[in-house]
Structures are given as structure tokens and as C-alpha cells.
Amino acid sequence: MSKRVVSGAVIVGNLVFTSGMTGSPGDVETQIRNTLSRLKTALENAGTSFENVAKATVYLTDLGDRERYLNKIWRETFPENPPSRTCVQAGLAPGTFVEIELVAVIPEK
């Protein structure tokens, strides 16, 4: 089994495992959008995209933010065939409201 590291992710075979990423300072919505932007870049560096995400784990400091912000942004990001998602309330670093990690497939060429 081969393992390769790219910025923000590890590739094992045809699977990409991103690091847990956070957004820059800002409100919850800004942090979610920034986090997803960083994840998009990591996936692209690994040769894949949001279309190929199979699993997501989302950590929120307040589960109420799932309904207030996350679900709307999630539908924008994954308009068709969204990935399986686990959403957990967690204690994150002060000022951090969200952390997200993804597992994606690198499509065959």
C-alpha cells in the first residue's frame, strides 16, 4: 500500500484523508466557508474534488450552528449526492467554531 502526503492531506491508494481544518478568524458562517475553501484546495492538490467526497466529519462548538449555518452552506457546497456526514459538538480552540475533515476518492483517469 502506497502512502503519499500532500499539503493538508494523506493519499492512501485512491483515497484522500484530509487533515482536520479550521477557518480563519471570523463568525461561524465565515469560518465554515473558509474551512471548506481550504479543504477544496487540499482535495485539488490531491487530484480530486468535492464531487468525490464520500465522508465528512464536522466538529462544531455549538450543535445549533448546524441548523443556523452549516446545512445551508453544505447544500451549496454539495448540491448533488452529498457525502455521508457526522456532526459532533466539540471543545475547540478559543475563537474556533468549526473543524472539518473529509475522506474522498481520487477518480480513475
C-alpha atoms as a PDB file:
ATOM      1  CA  MET A   1       0.000   0.000   0.000  1.00  0.00           C
ATOM      2  CA  SER A   2       1.408   3.329  -1.031  1.00  0.00           C
ATOM      3  CA  LYS A   3       1.031   6.433   1.080  1.00  0.00           C
ATOM      4  CA  ARG A   4       1.720   9.941  -0.162  1.00  0.00           C
ATOM      5  CA  VAL A   5       1.465  13.252   1.673  1.00  0.00           C
ATOM      6  CA  VAL A   6       0.247  16.446   0.005  1.00  0.00           C
ATOM      7  CA  SER A   7      -0.496  19.770   1.640  1.00  0.00           C
ATOM      8  CA  GLY A   8      -3.377  19.169   4.056  1.00  0.00           C
ATOM      9  CA  ALA A   9      -3.980  15.522   3.193  1.00  0.00           C
ATOM     10  CA  VAL A  10      -2.641  11.987   3.020  1.00  0.00           C
ATOM     11  CA  ILE A  11      -3.310   9.791  -0.009  1.00  0.00           C
ATOM     12  CA  VAL A  12      -3.562   6.033   0.502  1.00  0.00           C
ATOM     13  CA  GLY A  13      -4.290   4.149  -2.699  1.00  0.00           C
ATOM     14  CA  ASN A  14      -7.139   6.075  -4.312  1.00  0.00           C
ATOM     15  CA  LEU A  15      -8.416   7.577  -1.040  1.00  0.00           C
ATOM     16  CA  VAL A  16      -7.662  11.058   0.279  1.00  0.00           C
ATOM     17  CA  PHE A  17      -7.840  11.757   4.008  1.00  0.00           C
ATOM     18  CA  THR A  18      -7.702  15.460   4.785  1.00  0.00           C
ATOM     19  CA  SER A  19      -6.414  16.886   7.996  1.00  0.00           C
ATOM     20  CA  GLY A  20      -8.998  18.460  10.255  1.00  0.00           C
ATOM     21  CA  MET A  21      -9.115  22.058   9.069  1.00  0.00           C
ATOM     22  CA  THR A  22     -10.477  25.257  10.517  1.00  0.00           C
ATOM     23  CA  GLY A  23     -11.241  28.655   9.007  1.00  0.00           C
ATOM     24  CA  SER A  24      -9.577  31.932   9.747  1.00  0.00           C
ATOM     25  CA  PRO A  25     -10.938  34.195  12.475  1.00  0.00           C
ATOM     26  CA  GLY A  26     -14.482  35.377  11.971  1.00  0.00           C
ATOM     27  CA  ASP A  27     -18.056  34.476  12.754  1.00  0.00           C
ATOM     28  CA  VAL A  28     -19.383  30.926  12.391  1.00  0.00           C
ATOM     29  CA  GLU A  29     -20.564  31.309   8.796  1.00  0.00           C
ATOM     30  CA  THR A  30     -17.245  32.841   7.719  1.00  0.00           C
ATOM     31  CA  GLN A  31     -15.288  30.069   9.424  1.00  0.00           C
ATOM     32  CA  ILE A  32     -17.381  27.346   7.753  1.00  0.00           C
ATOM     33  CA  ARG A  33     -16.914  28.911   4.315  1.00  0.00           C
ATOM     34  CA  ASN A  34     -13.171  29.448   4.864  1.00  0.00           C
ATOM     35  CA  THR A  35     -12.737  25.903   6.133  1.00  0.00           C
ATOM     36  CA  LEU A  36     -14.477  24.470   3.081  1.00  0.00           C
ATOM     37  CA  SER A  37     -12.331  26.651   0.830  1.00  0.00           C
ATOM     38  CA  ARG A  38      -9.167  25.298   2.451  1.00  0.00           C
ATOM     39  CA  LEU A  39     -10.484  21.737   2.117  1.00  0.00           C
ATOM     40  CA  LYS A  40     -11.271  22.310  -1.563  1.00  0.00           C
ATOM     41  CA  THR A  41      -7.650  23.329  -2.128  1.00  0.00           C
ATOM     42  CA  ALA A  42      -6.350  20.257  -0.260  1.00  0.00           C
ATOM     43  CA  LEU A  43      -8.571  17.972  -2.351  1.00  0.00           C
ATOM     44  CA  GLU A  44      -7.448  19.620  -5.589  1.00  0.00           C
ATOM     45  CA  ASN A  45      -3.788  19.220  -4.526  1.00  0.00           C
ATOM     46  CA  ALA A  46      -4.531  15.512  -4.094  1.00  0.00           C
ATOM     47  CA  GLY A  47      -6.181  15.176  -7.511  1.00  0.00           C
ATOM     48  CA  THR A  48      -9.843  15.139  -6.523  1.00  0.00           C
ATOM     49  CA  SER A  49     -12.738  17.459  -5.681  1.00  0.00           C
ATOM     50  CA  PHE A  50     -15.862  17.936  -3.560  1.00  0.00           C
ATOM     51  CA  GLU A  51     -17.758  15.772  -6.091  1.00  0.00           C
ATOM     52  CA  ASN A  52     -15.756  12.770  -4.870  1.00  0.00           C
ATOM     53  CA  VAL A  53     -16.099  13.248  -1.107  1.00  0.00           C
ATOM     54  CA  ALA A  54     -17.535  10.116   0.499  1.00  0.00           C
ATOM     55  CA  LYS A  55     -17.388  11.008   4.208  1.00  0.00           C
ATOM     56  CA  ALA A  56     -17.219  14.169   6.264  1.00  0.00           C
ATOM     57  CA  THR A  57     -16.768  14.724   9.959  1.00  0.00           C
ATOM     58  CA  VAL A  58     -17.748  18.156  11.245  1.00  0.00           C
ATOM     59  CA  TYR A  59     -16.912  19.400  14.728  1.00  0.00           C
ATOM     60  CA  LEU A  60     -18.918  22.387  15.993  1.00  0.00           C
ATOM     61  CA  THR A  61     -18.637  24.195  19.308  1.00  0.00           C
ATOM     62  CA  ASP A  62     -22.442  24.628  19.218  1.00  0.00           C
ATOM     63  CA  LEU A  63     -24.624  21.995  17.525  1.00  0.00           C
ATOM     64  CA  GLY A  64     -27.243  24.700  16.998  1.00  0.00           C
ATOM     65  CA  ASP A  65     -24.904  26.091  14.317  1.00  0.00           C
ATOM     66  CA  ARG A  66     -25.700  23.026  12.216  1.00  0.00           C
ATOM     67  CA  GLU A  67     -29.210  24.343  11.568  1.00  0.00           C
ATOM     68  CA  ARG A  68     -28.289  28.035  11.690  1.00  0.00           C
ATOM     69  CA  TYR A  69     -25.380  27.925   9.224  1.00  0.00           C
ATOM     70  CA  LEU A  70     -23.901  24.558   8.275  1.00  0.00           C
ATOM     71  CA  ASN A  71     -26.827  22.913   6.481  1.00  0.00           C
ATOM     72  CA  LYS A  72     -27.352  25.832   4.067  1.00  0.00           C
ATOM     73  CA  ILE A  73     -23.661  26.076   3.221  1.00  0.00           C
ATOM     74  CA  TRP A  74     -23.452  22.279   2.923  1.00  0.00           C
ATOM     75  CA  ARG A  75     -26.245  22.244   0.317  1.00  0.00           C
ATOM     76  CA  GLU A  76     -24.393  24.955  -1.650  1.00  0.00           C
ATOM     77  CA  THR A  77     -21.119  23.013  -1.485  1.00  0.00           C
ATOM     78  CA  PHE A  78     -22.604  19.583  -2.198  1.00  0.00           C
ATOM     79  CA  PRO A  79     -25.702  20.295  -4.344  1.00  0.00           C
ATOM     80  CA  GLU A  80     -25.899  16.700  -5.625  1.00  0.00           C
ATOM     81  CA  ASN A  81     -25.009  13.462  -3.874  1.00  0.00           C
ATOM     82  CA  PRO A  82     -23.720  14.949  -0.609  1.00  0.00           C
ATOM     83  CA  PRO A  83     -21.281  12.828   1.378  1.00  0.00           C
ATOM     84  CA  SER A  84     -22.155  10.898   4.494  1.00  0.00           C
ATOM     85  CA  ARG A  85     -21.710  13.343   7.362  1.00  0.00           C
ATOM     86  CA  THR A  86     -21.175  13.058  11.087  1.00  0.00           C
ATOM     87  CA  CYS A  87     -21.608  16.247  13.105  1.00  0.00           C
ATOM     88  CA  VAL A  88     -20.243  16.370  16.638  1.00  0.00           C
ATOM     89  CA  GLN A  89     -20.241  19.046  19.320  1.00  0.00           C
ATOM     90  CA  ALA A  90     -16.676  19.538  20.490  1.00  0.00           C
ATOM     91  CA  GLY A  91     -14.469  21.806  22.517  1.00  0.00           C
ATOM     92  CA  LEU A  92     -12.260  23.603  20.006  1.00  0.00           C
ATOM     93  CA  ALA A  93      -9.541  26.212  20.469  1.00  0.00           C
ATOM     94  CA  PRO A  94     -10.832  29.574  21.703  1.00  0.00           C
ATOM     95  CA  GLY A  95     -12.405  31.558  18.854  1.00  0.00           C
ATOM     96  CA  THR A  96     -12.702  28.457  16.660  1.00  0.00           C
ATOM     97  CA  PHE A  97     -16.277  27.412  15.919  1.00  0.00           C
ATOM     98  CA  VAL A  98     -15.802  24.630  13.347  1.00  0.00           C
ATOM     99  CA  GLU A  99     -13.339  21.971  12.238  1.00  0.00           C
ATOM    100  CA  ILE A 100     -13.967  19.665   9.276  1.00  0.00           C
ATOM    101  CA  GLU A 101     -12.180  16.610   7.910  1.00  0.00           C
ATOM    102  CA  LEU A 102     -13.023  14.754   4.695  1.00  0.00           C
ATOM    103  CA  VAL A 103     -12.420  11.410   3.006  1.00  0.00           C
ATOM    104  CA  ALA A 104     -12.574  11.476  -0.788  1.00  0.00           C
ATOM    105  CA  VAL A 105     -11.874   9.179  -3.713  1.00  0.00           C
ATOM    106  CA  ILE A 106      -9.439  10.058  -6.485  1.00  0.00           C
ATOM    107  CA  PRO A 107     -11.318   9.217  -9.693  1.00  0.00           C
ATOM    108  CA  GLU A 108      -9.795   6.819 -12.184  1.00  0.00           C
ATOM    109  CA  LYS A 109      -8.333   8.523 -15.229  1.00  0.00           C
END
